[in-house]
C-alpha cells in the first residue's frame, strides 16, 4: 500500500515516536510546579519550545503550543482582531485559505465585521498588487497561507508582508503545509502550524505572535502558554512535535530535491498517459511533494475508491467526494476543472518505484471509471447534424454527468450551433467552462431557468 496523502496527515516520524515514548516517563508532571517532577517537565517543555522557535525563526517567548493547528488559527485571528479593534473591523483573506481561516472569517462577519476575499490567479497564487489594493485604513488583520493545501502553490508571502507593513496591518500566515520544508520568509506578524502535517503527533499546533503585535486572547484564559492556549500542556506530544520538526528539517534539502523530481515526473506523464486531464497549480512555485490533476468525465469518489483498491491512498477536491456536493473552494477560486480531481502528496522517503507503479495503474483505472459512466471516447469521430440548438436536461444529475451529456451531443450541432445544459449541480458552474477551455469550444454563459441554471456552449471547432 502506498500512502500519498501527507497533505492531510503525515505518518508519525520515527524521531517523534522515540521522543514521545521517552517523554511519557519524564513529562507527565505539572510544569508549573516547583518540585523535582515539575521542574523536569518544565525543562522538557522549554527545550521543545526553543527547538520549535528555532525552526520557525522566532523567539521562544513568541511561540505558544495549542491543541491543534485549527485551534491556533482560530485563536490567532480572534486575538489579533480583538487587539486591533480600535483600528477597525476589516479582515482580509485570500480566496484559497484553509477552511479554518474561512470559518473564522465567517464568524467575524456574523459578529458585524467586514471581510474581503482576494481572488487568485489560475495558478492559485494571489497577486501582491491585488492583495495590497484590498488593504484599507480600517483593516485590522490580513491572512495569507504560505502554500496551498490542495494544489501546492506557494504564495508571495514576503511581498504581501511588505505591503501589509507599509499599510500598518499585521499579517497572519497559515504555514501548516510548508513548515516541514523551511521557515517562512518575510515580515509576517503571526504564524500558525500543525504538527501532524510534518510527522508529529496529532493534537499539537503552534501559534506565534511577534513582539509588538497587538493581541488580546479571547475567551477564558489561564497562566499557561502566555494565556493564548489555556489548559494543561500535553508535554509528551509537544516534545515529539518539536523533535520531529527538527528531524524533517534536517532531511528537507535532500528530500525536497528528490520528491520534486518525482512530482515533476507525475505532472509530465499524467497528461501523456491519460487523455482529457488538467494538471492544476503553479508548475514551479509550489511545494516539492504535492501536485493535483483533474480528469474529465470521472466521478472523483469512484476514482479514489478504485485507486485505493489498487493500493494508493490519495485525496480529492471533487464535489462528488464531498458530503456537501460542492466543489473545492480552492479549485473554484482558481477557475479550473474540479471533476475527477486527484491530489497526490508524497511522504518523505517515497521510493521512485511507487510513483512508477502509480503511473502504470492510473490510465486503466481512469478508463474503467469513464466506461462505467458512459463517457464519450477520446477517439470518437466528429459528426455534424442539422439542429442549430440542443437542450440537455441534466437536472438531478451530479458531477461528472452534466459534462458527459454535453460532450455526447456537442457534435450533433453544426459549427456556430449551441448546446444548453440545464443543471442544478453546483460543480457544473465550474466544470462546463473548464470543459470548453480544454475542448476549444466557446462558453457563452449562464441563462436563468425555472429549475437550476442553463449553461450555454457554442460549437466553434470540429
Protein backbone atom coordinates (compact mmCIF):
# COMPACT_ATOMS: atom_id res chain seq x y z
CA UNK A 1 0.00 0.00 0.00
CA UNK A 2 1.35 3.45 -0.95
CA UNK A 3 0.21 6.37 1.20
CA UNK A 4 0.14 9.51 -0.95
CA UNK A 5 -1.81 11.89 1.31
CA UNK A 6 0.60 13.57 3.71
CA UNK A 7 -1.05 16.92 2.97
CA UNK A 8 -3.89 15.59 5.14
CA UNK A 9 -1.72 13.94 7.76
CA UNK A 10 1.81 12.57 7.71
CA UNK A 11 2.79 9.26 9.31
CA UNK A 12 4.44 9.61 12.70
CA UNK A 13 8.15 10.27 12.16
CA UNK A 14 10.46 7.72 13.84
CA UNK A 15 12.10 10.52 15.82
CA UNK A 16 8.69 11.67 17.03
CA UNK A 17 7.86 8.14 18.15
CA UNK A 18 11.11 7.87 20.13
CA UNK A 19 10.66 11.31 21.72
CA UNK A 20 7.05 10.56 22.59
CA UNK A 21 7.87 7.29 24.29
CA UNK A 22 10.78 8.78 26.22
CA UNK A 23 8.88 11.86 27.40
CA UNK A 24 5.89 9.81 28.60
CA UNK A 25 8.08 8.77 31.52
CA UNK A 26 9.57 12.21 32.16
CA UNK A 27 6.97 14.77 31.11
CA UNK A 28 3.79 13.80 32.93
CA UNK A 29 4.01 16.26 35.83
CA UNK A 30 2.69 19.83 36.02
CA UNK A 31 5.43 22.09 34.59
CA UNK A 32 4.23 24.99 36.73
CA UNK A 33 5.18 23.20 39.97
CA UNK A 34 8.48 23.69 41.76
CA UNK A 35 9.14 20.14 42.91
CA UNK A 36 11.50 17.81 41.06
CA UNK A 37 8.96 16.21 38.72
CA UNK A 38 7.52 19.60 37.81
CA UNK A 39 10.98 21.05 37.11
CA UNK A 40 11.79 18.07 34.89
CA UNK A 41 8.58 18.60 32.93
CA UNK A 42 9.33 22.32 32.62
CA UNK A 43 12.78 21.59 31.21
CA UNK A 44 11.24 19.33 28.55
CA UNK A 45 8.61 21.94 27.65
CA UNK A 46 11.12 24.78 27.46
CA UNK A 47 13.50 22.73 25.33
CA UNK A 48 10.69 21.84 22.94
CA UNK A 49 9.67 25.49 22.67
CA UNK A 50 13.22 26.56 21.90
CA UNK A 51 13.59 23.87 19.22
CA UNK A 52 10.28 24.80 17.59
CA UNK A 53 11.09 28.52 17.73
CA UNK A 54 14.45 27.93 16.07
CA UNK A 55 12.74 26.02 13.25
CA UNK A 56 10.11 28.71 12.79
CA UNK A 57 12.52 31.62 13.08
CA UNK A 58 11.07 33.39 16.11
CA UNK A 59 11.81 33.96 19.80
CA UNK A 60 10.77 31.18 22.19
CA UNK A 61 8.59 33.58 24.19
CA UNK A 62 6.67 34.42 20.98
CA UNK A 63 5.57 30.80 20.45
CA UNK A 64 2.68 29.05 22.20
CA UNK A 65 1.61 25.44 21.79
CA UNK A 66 -2.07 24.81 21.13
CA UNK A 67 -4.31 21.75 20.93
CA UNK A 68 -4.32 21.76 17.09
CA UNK A 69 -3.42 23.80 14.05
CA UNK A 70 -7.07 24.74 13.63
CA UNK A 71 -7.21 25.99 17.21
CA UNK A 72 -4.06 28.04 16.57
CA UNK A 73 -5.71 29.69 13.54
CA UNK A 74 -8.93 30.44 15.39
CA UNK A 75 -7.09 31.84 18.41
CA UNK A 76 -4.66 33.83 16.26
CA UNK A 77 -7.33 35.51 14.18
CA UNK A 78 -9.65 36.23 17.11
CA UNK A 79 -6.84 37.59 19.29
CA UNK A 80 -5.37 39.79 16.56
CA UNK A 81 -8.77 41.22 15.60
CA UNK A 82 -9.58 41.95 19.23
CA UNK A 83 -6.19 43.52 19.84
CA UNK A 84 -6.68 45.90 16.93
CA UNK A 85 -10.39 46.64 17.29
CA UNK A 86 -9.69 50.37 17.51
CA UNK A 87 -8.06 50.29 14.05
CA UNK A 88 -11.21 48.82 12.51
CA UNK A 89 -13.10 45.59 11.90
CA UNK A 90 -11.99 44.78 8.37
CA UNK A 91 -10.39 41.37 7.74
CA UNK A 92 -8.60 40.39 4.52
CA UNK A 93 -8.13 36.77 3.45
CA UNK A 94 -7.29 35.07 0.18
CA UNK A 95 -9.98 33.06 -1.60
CA UNK A 96 -7.99 29.83 -1.22
CA UNK A 97 -7.28 29.87 2.52
CA UNK A 98 -7.75 26.74 4.61
CA UNK A 99 -11.27 26.28 5.91
CA UNK A 100 -10.13 27.12 9.45
CA UNK A 101 -9.31 30.66 8.27
CA UNK A 102 -12.53 31.00 6.25
CA UNK A 103 -14.63 29.73 9.17
CA UNK A 104 -13.05 32.36 11.42
CA UNK A 105 -13.77 34.98 8.77
CA UNK A 106 -17.42 33.90 8.65
CA UNK A 107 -17.72 34.23 12.43
CA UNK A 108 -16.20 37.71 12.21
CA UNK A 109 -18.70 38.64 9.51
CA UNK A 110 -21.66 37.38 11.57
CA UNK A 111 -20.46 39.46 14.50
CA UNK A 112 -20.60 42.65 12.45
CA UNK A 113 -17.13 42.76 10.94
CA UNK A 114 -16.34 43.04 7.26
CA UNK A 115 -14.32 40.56 5.21
CA UNK A 116 -12.64 40.92 1.82
CA UNK A 117 -11.53 37.86 -0.15
CA UNK A 118 -8.61 38.46 -2.50
CA UNK A 119 -9.07 36.45 -5.74
CA UNK A 120 -6.29 34.26 -7.07
CA UNK A 121 -4.78 33.67 -10.48
CA UNK A 122 -5.41 30.41 -12.32
CA UNK A 123 -2.19 29.12 -10.72
CA UNK A 124 -3.74 29.51 -7.27
CA UNK A 125 -1.50 32.39 -6.19
CA UNK A 126 -2.60 35.88 -5.23
CA UNK A 127 -1.22 38.92 -6.98
CA UNK A 128 0.69 41.03 -4.43
CA UNK A 129 -0.67 44.17 -6.08
CA UNK A 130 -4.26 42.90 -5.86
CA UNK A 131 -3.72 41.97 -2.22
CA UNK A 132 -2.24 45.37 -1.41
CA UNK A 133 -5.19 47.10 -3.10
CA UNK A 134 -7.58 45.31 -0.72
CA UNK A 135 -5.96 46.76 2.42
CA UNK A 136 -7.85 49.72 3.89
CA UNK A 137 -7.37 52.21 6.73
CA UNK A 138 -9.80 50.14 8.83
CA UNK A 139 -8.12 46.78 8.08
CA UNK A 140 -7.34 45.11 11.40
CA UNK A 141 -5.75 41.90 10.10
CA UNK A 142 -4.69 40.20 6.87
CA UNK A 143 -4.28 36.43 6.37
CA UNK A 144 -2.34 34.51 3.74
CA UNK A 145 -1.28 30.87 3.70
CA UNK A 146 2.35 30.14 2.90
CA UNK A 147 1.42 27.36 0.44
CA UNK A 148 -1.90 25.94 -0.66
CA UNK A 149 -3.03 22.70 0.91
CA UNK A 150 -4.85 21.41 -2.20
CA UNK A 151 -2.65 22.32 -5.17
CA UNK A 152 0.70 23.10 -3.53
CA UNK A 153 1.09 26.62 -4.96
CA UNK A 154 3.37 28.82 -2.86
CA UNK A 155 2.09 32.29 -2.07
CA UNK A 156 4.17 35.50 -2.36
CA UNK A 157 4.24 35.94 1.42
CA UNK A 158 7.27 38.25 1.52
CA UNK A 159 5.76 40.71 -0.99
CA UNK A 160 2.37 40.68 0.73
CA UNK A 161 4.01 41.10 4.14
CA UNK A 162 5.83 44.19 2.86
CA UNK A 163 2.56 45.64 1.57
CA UNK A 164 0.95 44.95 4.94
CA UNK A 165 3.88 46.59 6.76
CA UNK A 166 3.52 49.73 4.65
CA UNK A 167 -0.20 49.78 5.44
CA UNK A 168 0.38 49.17 9.14
CA UNK A 169 -1.57 45.89 9.08
CA UNK A 170 -0.36 42.66 10.76
CA UNK A 171 -0.20 39.56 8.55
CA UNK A 172 -1.11 36.10 9.85
CA UNK A 173 0.44 33.23 7.89
CA UNK A 174 -1.00 29.71 7.98
CA UNK A 175 2.21 27.73 7.46
CA UNK A 176 0.82 24.26 8.17
CA UNK A 177 1.80 22.82 4.78
CA UNK A 178 5.21 24.43 4.41
CA UNK A 179 6.94 24.36 7.81
CA UNK A 180 8.45 20.93 7.15
CA UNK A 181 10.39 22.42 4.21
CA UNK A 182 11.75 25.57 5.81
CA UNK A 183 10.91 28.80 7.65
CA UNK A 184 8.50 31.29 6.12
CA UNK A 185 10.29 34.29 4.65
CA UNK A 186 9.10 37.85 5.02
CA UNK A 187 7.99 40.16 7.78
CA UNK A 188 4.89 38.32 8.93
CA UNK A 189 3.35 39.16 12.30
CA UNK A 190 1.58 35.95 13.33
CA UNK A 191 2.10 32.35 12.20
CA UNK A 192 0.35 29.03 12.79
CA UNK A 193 1.33 25.40 12.21
CA UNK A 194 0.11 21.86 12.83
CA UNK A 195 2.39 19.03 13.98
CA UNK A 196 0.63 16.17 12.24
CA UNK A 197 1.41 17.78 8.87
CA UNK A 198 5.18 17.29 9.38
CA UNK A 199 5.19 13.87 11.08
CA UNK A 200 4.49 14.93 14.65
CA UNK A 201 1.55 13.63 16.70
CA UNK A 202 -1.95 14.94 16.11
CA UNK A 203 -3.29 17.34 18.71
CA UNK A 204 -0.38 19.79 18.72
CA UNK A 205 -0.43 23.15 16.97
CA UNK A 206 1.67 26.23 17.33
CA UNK A 207 0.81 29.91 17.38
CA UNK A 208 3.48 32.60 17.02
CA UNK A 209 2.72 36.22 17.85
CA UNK A 210 5.62 38.59 17.21
CA UNK A 211 6.58 41.05 19.90
CA UNK A 212 4.89 44.38 19.31
CA UNK A 213 1.78 42.90 17.66
CA UNK A 214 -1.39 43.99 19.43
CA UNK A 215 -3.08 40.82 20.62
CA UNK A 216 -5.87 40.12 23.12
CA UNK A 217 -6.67 36.50 23.92
CA UNK A 218 -10.36 35.73 23.68
CA UNK A 219 -12.41 33.56 26.00
CA UNK A 220 -11.37 32.33 29.45
CA UNK A 221 -7.60 32.31 29.86
CA UNK A 222 -5.17 30.97 32.41
CA UNK A 223 -1.46 31.32 33.14
CA UNK A 224 -0.35 28.65 30.65
CA UNK A 225 1.12 29.35 27.19
CA UNK A 226 1.10 33.13 27.73
CA UNK A 227 -2.67 32.96 28.15
CA UNK A 228 -3.06 32.10 24.46
CA UNK A 229 -3.86 28.40 24.85
CA UNK A 230 -5.46 27.57 28.19
CA UNK A 231 -5.26 24.11 29.70
CA UNK A 232 -2.64 21.62 30.77
CA UNK A 233 0.09 21.18 28.14
CA UNK A 234 0.43 17.75 26.54
CA UNK A 235 4.17 17.72 27.14
CA UNK A 236 4.98 14.32 25.58
CA UNK A 237 3.17 15.29 22.38
CA UNK A 238 4.76 18.75 22.34
CA UNK A 239 8.23 17.24 22.76
CA UNK A 240 7.55 14.76 19.93
CA UNK A 241 6.24 17.55 17.69
CA UNK A 242 9.34 19.70 18.20
CA UNK A 243 11.69 16.73 17.75
CA UNK A 244 10.02 15.67 14.50
CA UNK A 245 10.07 19.23 13.12
CA UNK A 246 13.81 19.40 13.74
CA UNK A 247 14.26 15.96 12.16
CA UNK A 248 12.32 16.70 8.96
CA UNK A 249 14.15 19.99 8.58
CA UNK A 250 17.45 18.11 8.65
CA UNK A 251 16.17 15.94 5.78
CA UNK A 252 14.43 18.75 3.90
CA UNK A 253 17.11 19.79 1.41
CA UNK A 254 17.78 16.30 0.08
CA UNK A 255 14.16 15.14 0.20
CA UNK A 256 12.87 18.34 -1.39
CA UNK A 257 15.00 17.81 -4.49
CA UNK A 258 14.18 14.10 -4.70
CA UNK A 259 10.42 14.48 -4.20
CA UNK A 260 10.23 17.41 -6.62
CA UNK A 261 11.76 15.17 -9.27
CA UNK A 262 9.08 12.54 -8.59
CA UNK A 263 6.18 15.01 -8.64
CA UNK A 264 7.58 16.61 -11.80
CA UNK A 265 7.52 13.13 -13.33
CA UNK A 266 3.85 12.71 -12.42
CA UNK A 267 2.97 16.20 -13.70
CA UNK A 268 4.61 15.46 -17.06
CA UNK A 269 3.47 11.86 -17.52
CA UNK A 270 -0.19 12.01 -16.45
CA UNK A 271 -1.34 14.16 -19.42
CA UNK A 272 0.61 11.85 -21.75
CA UNK A 273 -0.89 8.68 -20.29
CA UNK A 274 -4.46 9.83 -19.62
CA UNK A 275 -6.47 11.86 -22.15
CA UNK A 276 -8.57 14.84 -21.03
CA UNK A 277 -6.59 15.72 -17.91
CA UNK A 278 -5.81 19.14 -16.49
CA UNK A 279 -2.83 19.45 -14.14
CA UNK A 280 -3.51 22.41 -11.84
CA UNK A 281 -1.40 24.63 -9.61
CA UNK A 282 1.80 26.52 -10.30
CA UNK A 283 4.32 24.21 -12.01
CA UNK A 284 7.34 25.96 -10.47
CA UNK A 285 6.44 27.91 -7.33
CA UNK A 286 4.96 25.00 -5.42
CA UNK A 287 5.66 22.60 -2.59
CA UNK A 288 8.05 19.85 -3.66
CA UNK A 289 5.90 16.90 -2.64
CA UNK A 290 2.39 17.88 -3.77
CA UNK A 291 0.52 18.03 -7.08
CA UNK A 292 -3.09 17.95 -8.25
CA UNK A 293 -4.77 16.98 -11.50
CA UNK A 294 -8.38 16.67 -12.64
CA UNK A 295 -9.83 14.14 -15.10
CA UNK A 296 -12.77 14.88 -17.36
CA UNK A 297 -15.75 12.50 -17.27
CA UNK A 298 -14.72 10.93 -13.97
CA UNK A 299 -16.56 10.52 -10.68
CA UNK A 300 -13.96 11.56 -8.11
CA UNK A 301 -15.27 9.32 -5.35
CA UNK A 302 -15.27 6.25 -7.58
CA UNK A 303 -11.77 7.05 -8.82
CA UNK A 304 -10.46 7.34 -5.26
CA UNK A 305 -12.06 4.03 -4.31
CA UNK A 306 -10.54 2.31 -7.34
CA UNK A 307 -7.09 3.75 -6.64
CA UNK A 308 -7.42 2.61 -3.04
CA UNK A 309 -8.21 -0.91 -4.25
CA UNK A 310 -5.09 -0.71 -6.42
CA UNK A 311 -3.00 0.19 -3.36
CA UNK A 312 -2.83 4.01 -3.46
CA UNK A 313 -4.20 6.39 -0.84
CA UNK A 314 -4.89 9.80 -2.39
CA UNK A 315 -7.37 12.59 -1.76
CA UNK A 316 -9.62 14.78 -3.88
CA UNK A 317 -11.23 18.19 -4.12
CA UNK A 318 -14.06 16.97 -6.36
CA UNK A 319 -17.61 17.74 -5.33
CA UNK A 320 -18.57 14.10 -5.80
CA UNK A 321 -16.30 13.14 -2.90
CA UNK A 322 -17.89 15.72 -0.61
CA UNK A 323 -20.98 15.43 1.57
CA UNK A 324 -21.93 18.98 0.50
CA UNK A 325 -21.80 18.10 -3.23
CA UNK A 326 -20.00 21.38 -3.88
CA UNK A 327 -16.57 21.59 -5.50
CA UNK A 328 -13.49 22.57 -3.54
CA UNK A 329 -13.46 26.29 -2.83
CA UNK A 330 -9.80 26.29 -3.90
CA UNK A 331 -10.46 24.80 -7.35
CA UNK A 332 -13.50 27.07 -7.71
CA UNK A 333 -11.47 30.19 -6.92
CA UNK A 334 -8.82 29.11 -9.45
CA UNK A 335 -11.45 28.52 -12.14
CA UNK A 336 -10.07 25.07 -13.02
CA UNK A 337 -11.67 21.71 -13.65
CA UNK A 338 -12.89 20.07 -10.44
CA UNK A 339 -14.33 16.74 -11.58
CA UNK A 340 -12.20 13.66 -11.15
CA UNK A 341 -9.74 15.62 -9.03
CA UNK A 342 -6.77 13.76 -7.53
CA UNK A 343 -4.31 15.23 -5.02
CA UNK A 344 -1.03 13.37 -4.61
CA UNK A 345 1.21 14.36 -1.69
CA UNK A 346 4.25 12.17 -1.23
CA UNK A 347 5.69 11.36 2.19
CA UNK A 348 9.38 11.62 2.97
CA UNK A 349 11.16 8.51 1.73
CA UNK A 350 8.69 7.64 -1.04
CA UNK A 351 10.54 5.28 -3.42
CA UNK A 352 10.54 6.05 -7.14
CA UNK A 353 9.14 2.56 -7.76
CA UNK A 354 5.89 3.53 -6.02
CA UNK A 355 5.48 6.51 -8.34
CA UNK A 356 6.17 4.36 -11.40
CA UNK A 357 3.57 1.85 -10.22
CA UNK A 358 1.04 4.66 -9.71
CA UNK A 359 1.64 5.90 -13.27
CA UNK A 360 1.19 2.35 -14.56
CA UNK A 361 -2.10 1.85 -12.70
CA UNK A 362 -3.71 5.27 -13.27
CA UNK A 363 -4.60 5.10 -17.03
CA UNK A 364 -6.51 1.84 -16.76
CA UNK A 365 -8.26 2.96 -13.59
CA UNK A 366 -9.45 6.22 -15.15
CA UNK A 367 -10.55 4.42 -18.34
CA UNK A 368 -12.57 1.90 -16.32
CA UNK A 369 -14.36 4.65 -14.37
CA UNK A 370 -15.16 6.54 -17.58
CA UNK A 371 -16.51 3.38 -19.20
CA UNK A 372 -18.84 2.78 -16.26
CA UNK A 373 -20.19 6.32 -16.57
CA UNK A 374 -20.68 6.05 -20.32
CA UNK A 375 -18.24 8.84 -21.11
CA UNK A 376 -17.56 9.63 -24.79
CA UNK A 377 -14.48 8.09 -26.35
CA UNK A 378 -11.49 10.33 -26.90
CA UNK A 379 -11.30 8.97 -30.45
CA UNK A 380 -14.98 9.48 -31.31
CA UNK A 381 -15.43 10.96 -34.78
CA UNK A 382 -16.95 14.38 -35.25
CA UNK A 383 -20.48 14.42 -36.63
CA UNK A 384 -22.35 17.45 -37.85
CA UNK A 385 -26.14 17.26 -37.72
CA UNK A 386 -28.79 19.74 -38.70
CA UNK A 387 -30.06 21.05 -35.38
CA UNK A 388 -28.79 24.52 -34.50
CA UNK A 389 -29.55 24.17 -30.80
CA UNK A 390 -29.89 21.28 -28.35
CA UNK A 391 -31.19 21.34 -24.78
CA UNK A 392 -29.63 18.81 -22.40
CA UNK A 393 -31.72 18.18 -19.28
CA UNK A 394 -29.24 17.19 -16.57
CA UNK A 395 -31.36 18.21 -13.61
CA UNK A 396 -30.80 15.99 -10.61
CA UNK A 397 -27.58 14.56 -12.08
CA UNK A 398 -24.30 15.12 -10.31
CA UNK A 399 -20.72 15.65 -11.39
CA UNK A 400 -19.49 14.49 -13.89
CA UNK A 401 -22.75 13.55 -15.65
CA UNK A 402 -23.71 17.08 -16.90
CA UNK A 403 -20.34 17.42 -18.66
CA UNK A 404 -20.56 13.90 -20.07
CA UNK A 405 -24.01 14.67 -21.52
CA UNK A 406 -22.65 17.89 -23.04
CA UNK A 407 -19.72 16.06 -24.63
CA UNK A 408 -22.03 13.45 -26.14
CA UNK A 409 -24.15 15.98 -28.05
CA UNK A 410 -21.74 18.78 -28.97
CA UNK A 411 -21.04 17.16 -32.35
CA UNK A 412 -24.77 16.97 -33.08
CA UNK A 413 -24.93 20.72 -33.71
CA UNK A 414 -23.20 22.48 -36.63
CA UNK A 415 -20.40 24.98 -36.17
CA UNK A 416 -21.99 28.04 -34.59
CA UNK A 417 -24.74 25.94 -33.05
CA UNK A 418 -25.35 25.91 -29.29
CA UNK A 419 -25.97 23.40 -26.55
CA UNK A 420 -27.83 24.43 -23.41
CA UNK A 421 -27.13 22.26 -20.40
CA UNK A 422 -29.81 22.52 -17.73
CA UNK A 423 -28.25 21.58 -14.39
CA UNK A 424 -28.74 22.10 -10.67
CA UNK A 425 -25.31 20.71 -9.77
CA UNK A 426 -23.05 23.39 -8.27
CA UNK A 427 -19.98 21.82 -9.87
CA UNK A 428 -21.40 22.43 -13.36
CA UNK A 429 -20.79 26.16 -12.93
CA UNK A 430 -17.07 25.40 -12.74
CA UNK A 431 -16.69 22.28 -14.88
CA UNK A 432 -18.63 23.31 -18.00
CA UNK A 433 -16.48 26.44 -18.63
CA UNK A 434 -13.38 24.34 -17.86
CA UNK A 435 -14.51 21.71 -20.38
CA UNK A 436 -14.98 24.43 -23.01
CA UNK A 437 -11.45 25.73 -22.45
CA UNK A 438 -9.99 22.22 -22.71
CA UNK A 439 -12.00 21.44 -25.83
CA UNK A 440 -11.64 24.81 -27.58
CA UNK A 441 -15.40 25.42 -27.57
CA UNK A 442 -16.96 28.76 -26.66
CA UNK A 443 -18.60 29.13 -23.28
CA UNK A 444 -21.34 31.71 -23.82
CA UNK A 445 -22.53 31.96 -20.22
CA UNK A 446 -25.46 31.25 -17.93
CA UNK A 447 -29.16 31.80 -18.55
CA UNK A 448 -31.89 31.73 -15.90
CA UNK A 449 -34.18 28.73 -15.85
CA UNK A 450 -37.27 27.66 -13.92
CA UNK A 451 -35.15 24.99 -12.26
CA UNK A 452 -31.38 25.08 -11.99
CA UNK A 453 -29.30 27.04 -14.48
CA UNK A 454 -28.88 26.80 -18.25
CA UNK A 455 -25.22 26.78 -19.27
CA UNK A 456 -24.81 27.79 -22.92
CA UNK A 457 -21.99 26.42 -25.06
CA UNK A 458 -21.36 27.30 -28.73
CA UNK A 459 -19.59 24.84 -31.00
CA UNK A 460 -16.68 26.64 -32.70
CA UNK A 461 -14.32 23.73 -33.52
CA UNK A 462 -14.85 20.32 -35.07
